[in-house]
């Protein structure tokens, strides 16, 4: 095994440093553009998360409403007849209640700002 000579290692480091310094302003511009894009993507993700958080409660409430409508009994035949809390209606109502946190926070912030 041969060890790399220290002079060669120092030379390659100085060449790398020189190439980074010569492209310094371009790298700085690219970094700023990259940071701006990252903050924009982060804002989009936060907005999507906020929308999904607010969308969950009404969707589950609508599903509970639809599950509670009288039908032809096809779902009852598939799910069976059991206790009252065993159907889809209580499950959707529970999911709607669990996901109402963003709506409560929105109402609380609107109430405190008024």
C-alpha atoms as a PDB file:
ATOM      1  CA  UNK A   1       0.000   0.000   0.000  1.00  0.00           C
ATOM      2  CA  UNK A   2       1.339   3.375  -0.874  1.00  0.00           C
ATOM      3  CA  UNK A   3       0.378   6.470   1.081  1.00  0.00           C
ATOM      4  CA  UNK A   4      -0.536   9.652  -0.761  1.00  0.00           C
ATOM      5  CA  UNK A   5       2.165  12.245  -0.566  1.00  0.00           C
ATOM      6  CA  UNK A   6       1.307  15.301   1.558  1.00  0.00           C
ATOM      7  CA  UNK A   7       2.340  17.676  -1.237  1.00  0.00           C
ATOM      8  CA  UNK A   8      -0.168  16.101  -3.640  1.00  0.00           C
ATOM      9  CA  UNK A   9      -2.959  16.280  -1.053  1.00  0.00           C
ATOM     10  CA  UNK A  10      -2.178  19.941  -0.321  1.00  0.00           C
ATOM     11  CA  UNK A  11      -2.102  20.714  -4.061  1.00  0.00           C
ATOM     12  CA  UNK A  12      -5.508  19.160  -4.706  1.00  0.00           C
ATOM     13  CA  UNK A  13      -7.023  21.045  -1.748  1.00  0.00           C
ATOM     14  CA  UNK A  14      -5.660  24.365  -3.007  1.00  0.00           C
ATOM     15  CA  UNK A  15      -6.984  23.653  -6.531  1.00  0.00           C
ATOM     16  CA  UNK A  16     -10.399  22.857  -5.126  1.00  0.00           C
ATOM     17  CA  UNK A  17     -10.390  26.028  -3.013  1.00  0.00           C
ATOM     18  CA  UNK A  18      -9.324  28.127  -6.010  1.00  0.00           C
ATOM     19  CA  UNK A  19     -12.131  26.723  -8.167  1.00  0.00           C
ATOM     20  CA  UNK A  20     -14.678  27.466  -5.421  1.00  0.00           C
ATOM     21  CA  UNK A  21     -13.383  31.029  -5.010  1.00  0.00           C
ATOM     22  CA  UNK A  22     -13.502  31.709  -8.761  1.00  0.00           C
ATOM     23  CA  UNK A  23     -17.136  30.595  -8.864  1.00  0.00           C
ATOM     24  CA  UNK A  24     -17.960  32.386  -5.595  1.00  0.00           C
ATOM     25  CA  UNK A  25     -20.508  34.977  -6.816  1.00  0.00           C
ATOM     26  CA  UNK A  26     -22.273  32.399  -8.975  1.00  0.00           C
ATOM     27  CA  UNK A  27     -22.441  29.957  -6.067  1.00  0.00           C
ATOM     28  CA  UNK A  28     -23.786  32.709  -3.810  1.00  0.00           C
ATOM     29  CA  UNK A  29     -26.530  33.525  -6.332  1.00  0.00           C
ATOM     30  CA  UNK A  30     -27.401  29.855  -6.705  1.00  0.00           C
ATOM     31  CA  UNK A  31     -27.527  29.451  -2.927  1.00  0.00           C
ATOM     32  CA  UNK A  32     -29.847  32.458  -2.559  1.00  0.00           C
ATOM     33  CA  UNK A  33     -32.114  31.121  -5.304  1.00  0.00           C
ATOM     34  CA  UNK A  34     -32.100  27.710  -3.670  1.00  0.00           C
ATOM     35  CA  UNK A  35     -32.983  29.213  -0.283  1.00  0.00           C
ATOM     36  CA  UNK A  36     -35.814  31.240  -1.830  1.00  0.00           C
ATOM     37  CA  UNK A  37     -37.163  28.126  -3.535  1.00  0.00           C
ATOM     38  CA  UNK A  38     -36.972  26.173  -0.299  1.00  0.00           C
ATOM     39  CA  UNK A  39     -38.913  28.840   1.588  1.00  0.00           C
ATOM     40  CA  UNK A  40     -41.529  28.930  -1.186  1.00  0.00           C
ATOM     41  CA  UNK A  41     -41.852  25.135  -1.115  1.00  0.00           C
ATOM     42  CA  UNK A  42     -42.131  25.235   2.667  1.00  0.00           C
ATOM     43  CA  UNK A  43     -44.913  27.813   2.436  1.00  0.00           C
ATOM     44  CA  UNK A  44     -46.772  25.648  -0.063  1.00  0.00           C
ATOM     45  CA  UNK A  45     -46.453  22.618   2.188  1.00  0.00           C
ATOM     46  CA  UNK A  46     -47.717  24.601   5.178  1.00  0.00           C
ATOM     47  CA  UNK A  47     -50.671  25.881   3.150  1.00  0.00           C
ATOM     48  CA  UNK A  48     -51.509  22.376   1.915  1.00  0.00           C
ATOM     49  CA  UNK A  49     -51.261  21.013   5.457  1.00  0.00           C
ATOM     50  CA  UNK A  50     -53.544  23.742   6.761  1.00  0.00           C
ATOM     51  CA  UNK A  51     -56.068  23.073   3.993  1.00  0.00           C
ATOM     52  CA  UNK A  52     -56.029  19.315   4.617  1.00  0.00           C
ATOM     53  CA  UNK A  53     -56.452  19.892   8.338  1.00  0.00           C
ATOM     54  CA  UNK A  54     -59.509  22.042   7.705  1.00  0.00           C
ATOM     55  CA  UNK A  55     -60.898  19.695   5.044  1.00  0.00           C
ATOM     56  CA  UNK A  56     -60.958  16.583   7.246  1.00  0.00           C
ATOM     57  CA  UNK A  57     -63.820  17.561   9.567  1.00  0.00           C
ATOM     58  CA  UNK A  58     -66.411  18.505   6.920  1.00  0.00           C
ATOM     59  CA  UNK A  59     -65.512  15.452   4.826  1.00  0.00           C
ATOM     60  CA  UNK A  60     -66.027  13.091   7.763  1.00  0.00           C
ATOM     61  CA  UNK A  61     -69.250  14.903   8.706  1.00  0.00           C
ATOM     62  CA  UNK A  62     -70.531  14.472   5.144  1.00  0.00           C
ATOM     63  CA  UNK A  63     -69.579  10.809   5.201  1.00  0.00           C
ATOM     64  CA  UNK A  64     -71.455  10.405   8.505  1.00  0.00           C
ATOM     65  CA  UNK A  65     -74.491  12.045   6.939  1.00  0.00           C
ATOM     66  CA  UNK A  66     -74.324   9.743   3.939  1.00  0.00           C
ATOM     67  CA  UNK A  67     -73.799   6.694   6.148  1.00  0.00           C
ATOM     68  CA  UNK A  68     -76.876   7.662   8.160  1.00  0.00           C
ATOM     69  CA  UNK A  69     -79.183   7.938   5.157  1.00  0.00           C
ATOM     70  CA  UNK A  70     -81.548   5.038   4.715  1.00  0.00           C
ATOM     71  CA  UNK A  71     -80.572   2.874   1.790  1.00  0.00           C
ATOM     72  CA  UNK A  72     -81.186  -0.480   0.244  1.00  0.00           C
ATOM     73  CA  UNK A  73     -79.366  -2.256   3.057  1.00  0.00           C
ATOM     74  CA  UNK A  74     -76.474  -3.538   0.955  1.00  0.00           C
ATOM     75  CA  UNK A  75     -73.937  -2.101   3.387  1.00  0.00           C
ATOM     76  CA  UNK A  76     -75.915  -3.450   6.335  1.00  0.00           C
ATOM     77  CA  UNK A  77     -75.843  -6.910   4.832  1.00  0.00           C
ATOM     78  CA  UNK A  78     -72.100  -6.682   4.315  1.00  0.00           C
ATOM     79  CA  UNK A  79     -71.298  -5.138   7.711  1.00  0.00           C
ATOM     80  CA  UNK A  80     -73.854  -7.116   9.694  1.00  0.00           C
ATOM     81  CA  UNK A  81     -76.258  -5.936  12.341  1.00  0.00           C
ATOM     82  CA  UNK A  82     -74.595  -5.247  15.639  1.00  0.00           C
ATOM     83  CA  UNK A  83     -74.623  -2.801  18.483  1.00  0.00           C
ATOM     84  CA  UNK A  84     -75.314   0.868  17.774  1.00  0.00           C
ATOM     85  CA  UNK A  85     -71.644   1.845  18.096  1.00  0.00           C
ATOM     86  CA  UNK A  86     -70.498  -0.788  15.594  1.00  0.00           C
ATOM     87  CA  UNK A  87     -71.671   0.941  12.408  1.00  0.00           C
ATOM     88  CA  UNK A  88     -70.010   3.408  10.088  1.00  0.00           C
ATOM     89  CA  UNK A  89     -72.032   6.396  11.313  1.00  0.00           C
ATOM     90  CA  UNK A  90     -70.479   6.511  14.810  1.00  0.00           C
ATOM     91  CA  UNK A  91     -67.027   5.973  13.344  1.00  0.00           C
ATOM     92  CA  UNK A  92     -67.393   8.936  10.963  1.00  0.00           C
ATOM     93  CA  UNK A  93     -68.821  11.119  13.738  1.00  0.00           C
ATOM     94  CA  UNK A  94     -65.889  10.218  15.967  1.00  0.00           C
ATOM     95  CA  UNK A  95     -63.390  10.957  13.197  1.00  0.00           C
ATOM     96  CA  UNK A  96     -65.087  14.295  12.566  1.00  0.00           C
ATOM     97  CA  UNK A  97     -64.826  15.171  16.271  1.00  0.00           C
ATOM     98  CA  UNK A  98     -61.175  14.084  16.444  1.00  0.00           C
ATOM     99  CA  UNK A  99     -60.212  16.251  13.464  1.00  0.00           C
ATOM    100  CA  UNK A 100     -62.043  19.426  14.565  1.00  0.00           C
ATOM    101  CA  UNK A 101     -58.905  20.890  16.231  1.00  0.00           C
ATOM    102  CA  UNK A 102     -57.912  23.113  13.274  1.00  0.00           C
ATOM    103  CA  UNK A 103     -61.448  24.512  13.126  1.00  0.00           C
ATOM    104  CA  UNK A 104     -61.374  25.281  16.848  1.00  0.00           C
ATOM    105  CA  UNK A 105     -57.994  26.984  16.465  1.00  0.00           C
ATOM    106  CA  UNK A 106     -59.313  29.016  13.519  1.00  0.00           C
ATOM    107  CA  UNK A 107     -62.398  30.063  15.479  1.00  0.00           C
ATOM    108  CA  UNK A 108     -60.273  30.933  18.505  1.00  0.00           C
ATOM    109  CA  UNK A 109     -57.889  33.089  16.455  1.00  0.00           C
ATOM    110  CA  UNK A 110     -60.797  34.840  14.722  1.00  0.00           C
ATOM    111  CA  UNK A 111     -62.458  35.485  18.093  1.00  0.00           C
ATOM    112  CA  UNK A 112     -59.285  36.876  19.685  1.00  0.00           C
ATOM    113  CA  UNK A 113     -58.519  39.172  16.725  1.00  0.00           C
ATOM    114  CA  UNK A 114     -62.021  40.671  16.686  1.00  0.00           C
END
